[in-house]
């Protein structure tokens, strides 16, 4: 779950990490944009 993401463009990705802290698998990065409407617009 992601909370309190500010407006704008962001990149996100996923890594699977084992109990030793070693990355086992990495997913592709995605780009997404948050738009928060305002009563001032």
PDB file of N, CA and C in Angstrom:
ATOM      1  N   UNK A   1       0.842  -1.170   0.000  1.00  0.00           N
ATOM      2  CA  UNK A   1       0.000   0.000   0.000  1.00  0.00           C
ATOM      3  C   UNK A   1       0.891   1.239   0.000  1.00  0.00           C
ATOM      4  N   UNK A   2       0.478   2.207  -0.780  1.00  0.00           N
ATOM      5  CA  UNK A   2       1.203   3.473  -0.859  1.00  0.00           C
ATOM      6  C   UNK A   2       0.265   4.563  -0.358  1.00  0.00           C
ATOM      7  N   UNK A   3       0.783   5.427   0.505  1.00  0.00           N
ATOM      8  CA  UNK A   3      -0.032   6.503   1.061  1.00  0.00           C
ATOM      9  C   UNK A   3       0.667   7.846   0.879  1.00  0.00           C
ATOM     10  N   UNK A   4      -0.144   8.895   0.839  1.00  0.00           N
ATOM     11  CA  UNK A   4       0.355  10.278   0.794  1.00  0.00           C
ATOM     12  C   UNK A   4       1.365  10.528  -0.318  1.00  0.00           C
ATOM     13  N   UNK A   5       1.017  10.096  -1.523  1.00  0.00           N
ATOM     14  CA  UNK A   5       1.881  10.358  -2.673  1.00  0.00           C
ATOM     15  C   UNK A   5       1.550  11.760  -3.173  1.00  0.00           C
ATOM     16  N   UNK A   6       2.556  12.602  -3.295  1.00  0.00           N
ATOM     17  CA  UNK A   6       2.358  13.970  -3.746  1.00  0.00           C
ATOM     18  C   UNK A   6       2.032  13.999  -5.232  1.00  0.00           C
ATOM     19  N   UNK A   7       1.364  15.074  -5.651  1.00  0.00           N
ATOM     20  CA  UNK A   7       1.046  15.203  -7.068  1.00  0.00           C
ATOM     21  C   UNK A   7       2.322  15.296  -7.888  1.00  0.00           C
ATOM     22  N   UNK A   8       2.234  14.858  -9.119  1.00  0.00           N
ATOM     23  CA  UNK A   8       3.378  14.876 -10.025  1.00  0.00           C
ATOM     24  C   UNK A   8       3.620  13.500 -10.615  1.00  0.00           C
ATOM     25  N   UNK A   9       4.720  13.353 -11.311  1.00  0.00           N
ATOM     26  CA  UNK A   9       5.084  12.098 -11.967  1.00  0.00           C
ATOM     27  C   UNK A   9       6.077  11.349 -11.095  1.00  0.00           C
ATOM     28  N   UNK A  10       5.853  10.048 -10.964  1.00  0.00           N
ATOM     29  CA  UNK A  10       6.666   9.198 -10.095  1.00  0.00           C
ATOM     30  C   UNK A  10       7.026   7.902 -10.805  1.00  0.00           C
ATOM     31  N   UNK A  11       8.093   7.270 -10.364  1.00  0.00           N
ATOM     32  CA  UNK A  11       8.490   5.943 -10.828  1.00  0.00           C
ATOM     33  C   UNK A  11       8.367   4.979  -9.662  1.00  0.00           C
ATOM     34  N   UNK A  12       7.907   3.753  -9.945  1.00  0.00           N
ATOM     35  CA  UNK A  12       7.770   2.743  -8.902  1.00  0.00           C
ATOM     36  C   UNK A  12       8.231   1.397  -9.448  1.00  0.00           C
ATOM     37  N   UNK A  13       8.808   0.604  -8.555  1.00  0.00           N
ATOM     38  CA  UNK A  13       9.264  -0.730  -8.939  1.00  0.00           C
ATOM     39  C   UNK A  13       9.195  -1.659  -7.748  1.00  0.00           C
ATOM     40  N   UNK A  14       9.395  -2.939  -8.014  1.00  0.00           N
ATOM     41  CA  UNK A  14       9.313  -3.959  -6.969  1.00  0.00           C
ATOM     42  C   UNK A  14      10.564  -4.815  -7.002  1.00  0.00           C
ATOM     43  N   UNK A  15      11.105  -5.099  -5.812  1.00  0.00           N
ATOM     44  CA  UNK A  15      12.215  -6.043  -5.679  1.00  0.00           C
ATOM     45  C   UNK A  15      11.818  -7.114  -4.677  1.00  0.00           C
ATOM     46  N   UNK A  16      12.142  -8.352  -4.984  1.00  0.00           N
ATOM     47  CA  UNK A  16      11.978  -9.443  -4.021  1.00  0.00           C
ATOM     48  C   UNK A  16      13.338  -9.644  -3.372  1.00  0.00           C
ATOM     49  N   UNK A  17      13.364  -9.520  -2.039  1.00  0.00           N
ATOM     50  CA  UNK A  17      14.616  -9.583  -1.281  1.00  0.00           C
ATOM     51  C   UNK A  17      14.531 -10.751  -0.305  1.00  0.00           C
ATOM     52  N   UNK A  18      15.586 -11.588  -0.256  1.00  0.00           N
ATOM     53  CA  UNK A  18      15.569 -12.713   0.678  1.00  0.00           C
ATOM     54  C   UNK A  18      15.941 -12.265   2.094  1.00  0.00           C
ATOM     55  N   UNK A  19      15.924 -13.195   3.020  1.00  0.00           N
ATOM     56  CA  UNK A  19      16.168 -12.872   4.428  1.00  0.00           C
ATOM     57  C   UNK A  19      17.582 -12.361   4.698  1.00  0.00           C
ATOM     58  N   UNK A  20      18.494 -12.542   3.734  1.00  0.00           N
ATOM     59  CA  UNK A  20      19.862 -12.032   3.870  1.00  0.00           C
ATOM     60  C   UNK A  20      20.025 -10.646   3.248  1.00  0.00           C
ATOM     61  N   UNK A  21      18.934 -10.113   2.702  1.00  0.00           N
ATOM     62  CA  UNK A  21      19.005  -8.806   2.076  1.00  0.00           C
ATOM     63  C   UNK A  21      19.463  -8.835   0.635  1.00  0.00           C
ATOM     64  N   UNK A  22      19.515 -10.019   0.038  1.00  0.00           N
ATOM     65  CA  UNK A  22      19.957 -10.155  -1.346  1.00  0.00           C
ATOM     66  C   UNK A  22      18.735 -10.077  -2.265  1.00  0.00           C
ATOM     67  N   UNK A  23      18.830  -9.240  -3.309  1.00  0.00           N
ATOM     68  CA  UNK A  23      17.734  -9.125  -4.264  1.00  0.00           C
ATOM     69  C   UNK A  23      17.662 -10.381  -5.107  1.00  0.00           C
ATOM     70  N   UNK A  24      16.501 -11.046  -5.069  1.00  0.00           N
ATOM     71  CA  UNK A  24      16.288 -12.289  -5.799  1.00  0.00           C
ATOM     72  C   UNK A  24      15.719 -12.010  -7.182  1.00  0.00           C
ATOM     73  N   UNK A  25      14.793 -11.068  -7.261  1.00  0.00           N
ATOM     74  CA  UNK A  25      14.121 -10.752  -8.525  1.00  0.00           C
ATOM     75  C   UNK A  25      13.712  -9.284  -8.511  1.00  0.00           C
ATOM     76  N   UNK A  26      13.799  -8.629  -9.656  1.00  0.00           N
ATOM     77  CA  UNK A  26      13.384  -7.241  -9.797  1.00  0.00           C
ATOM     78  C   UNK A  26      12.331  -7.143 -10.887  1.00  0.00           C
ATOM     79  N   UNK A  27      11.299  -6.333 -10.635  1.00  0.00           N
ATOM     80  CA  UNK A  27      10.280  -6.090 -11.646  1.00  0.00           C
ATOM     81  C   UNK A  27      10.612  -4.838 -12.429  1.00  0.00           C
ATOM     82  N   UNK A  28       9.888  -4.643 -13.522  1.00  0.00           N
ATOM     83  CA  UNK A  28      10.097  -3.446 -14.324  1.00  0.00           C
ATOM     84  C   UNK A  28       9.554  -2.222 -13.587  1.00  0.00           C
ATOM     85  N   UNK A  29      10.186  -1.096 -13.810  1.00  0.00           N
ATOM     86  CA  UNK A  29       9.740   0.161 -13.225  1.00  0.00           C
ATOM     87  C   UNK A  29       8.578   0.702 -14.052  1.00  0.00           C
ATOM     88  N   UNK A  30       7.563   1.228 -13.369  1.00  0.00           N
ATOM     89  CA  UNK A  30       6.459   1.893 -14.058  1.00  0.00           C
ATOM     90  C   UNK A  30       6.479   3.370 -13.695  1.00  0.00           C
ATOM     91  N   UNK A  31       5.932   4.192 -14.562  1.00  0.00           N
ATOM     92  CA  UNK A  31       5.809   5.621 -14.322  1.00  0.00           C
ATOM     93  C   UNK A  31       4.321   5.945 -14.225  1.00  0.00           C
ATOM     94  N   UNK A  32       3.958   6.734 -13.215  1.00  0.00           N
ATOM     95  CA  UNK A  32       2.567   7.137 -13.058  1.00  0.00           C
ATOM     96  C   UNK A  32       2.511   8.596 -12.617  1.00  0.00           C
ATOM     97  N   UNK A  33       1.364   9.230 -12.851  1.00  0.00           N
ATOM     98  CA  UNK A  33       1.186  10.640 -12.519  1.00  0.00           C
ATOM     99  C   UNK A  33      -0.018  10.802 -11.605  1.00  0.00           C
ATOM    100  N   UNK A  34       0.158  11.550 -10.542  1.00  0.00           N
ATOM    101  CA  UNK A  34      -0.923  11.854  -9.602  1.00  0.00           C
ATOM    102  C   UNK A  34      -1.422  13.263  -9.896  1.00  0.00           C
ATOM    103  N   UNK A  35      -2.727  13.374 -10.051  1.00  0.00           N
ATOM    104  CA  UNK A  35      -3.355  14.681 -10.225  1.00  0.00           C
ATOM    105  C   UNK A  35      -4.386  14.840  -9.117  1.00  0.00           C
ATOM    106  N   UNK A  36      -4.247  15.876  -8.330  1.00  0.00           N
ATOM    107  CA  UNK A  36      -5.210  16.152  -7.274  1.00  0.00           C
ATOM    108  C   UNK A  36      -5.939  17.445  -7.618  1.00  0.00           C
ATOM    109  N   UNK A  37      -7.210  17.314  -7.977  1.00  0.00           N
ATOM    110  CA  UNK A  37      -7.977  18.527  -8.312  1.00  0.00           C
ATOM    111  C   UNK A  37      -8.039  19.489  -7.124  1.00  0.00           C
ATOM    112  N   UNK A  38      -8.151  20.743  -7.428  1.00  0.00           N
ATOM    113  CA  UNK A  38      -8.240  21.786  -6.422  1.00  0.00           C
ATOM    114  C   UNK A  38      -9.487  22.631  -6.674  1.00  0.00           C
ATOM    115  N   UNK A  39     -10.113  23.119  -5.619  1.00  0.00           N
ATOM    116  CA  UNK A  39     -11.257  24.023  -5.782  1.00  0.00           C
ATOM    117  C   UNK A  39     -10.822  25.360  -6.374  1.00  0.00           C
ATOM    118  N   UNK A  40      -9.519  25.636  -6.349  1.00  0.00           N
ATOM    119  CA  UNK A  40      -8.995  26.896  -6.897  1.00  0.00           C
ATOM    120  C   UNK A  40      -8.826  26.847  -8.419  1.00  0.00           C
ATOM    121  N   UNK A  41      -8.909  25.650  -9.021  1.00  0.00           N
ATOM    122  CA  UNK A  41      -8.703  25.514 -10.475  1.00  0.00           C
ATOM    123  C   UNK A  41     -10.014  25.559 -11.215  1.00  0.00           C
TER     124      UNK A  41
END
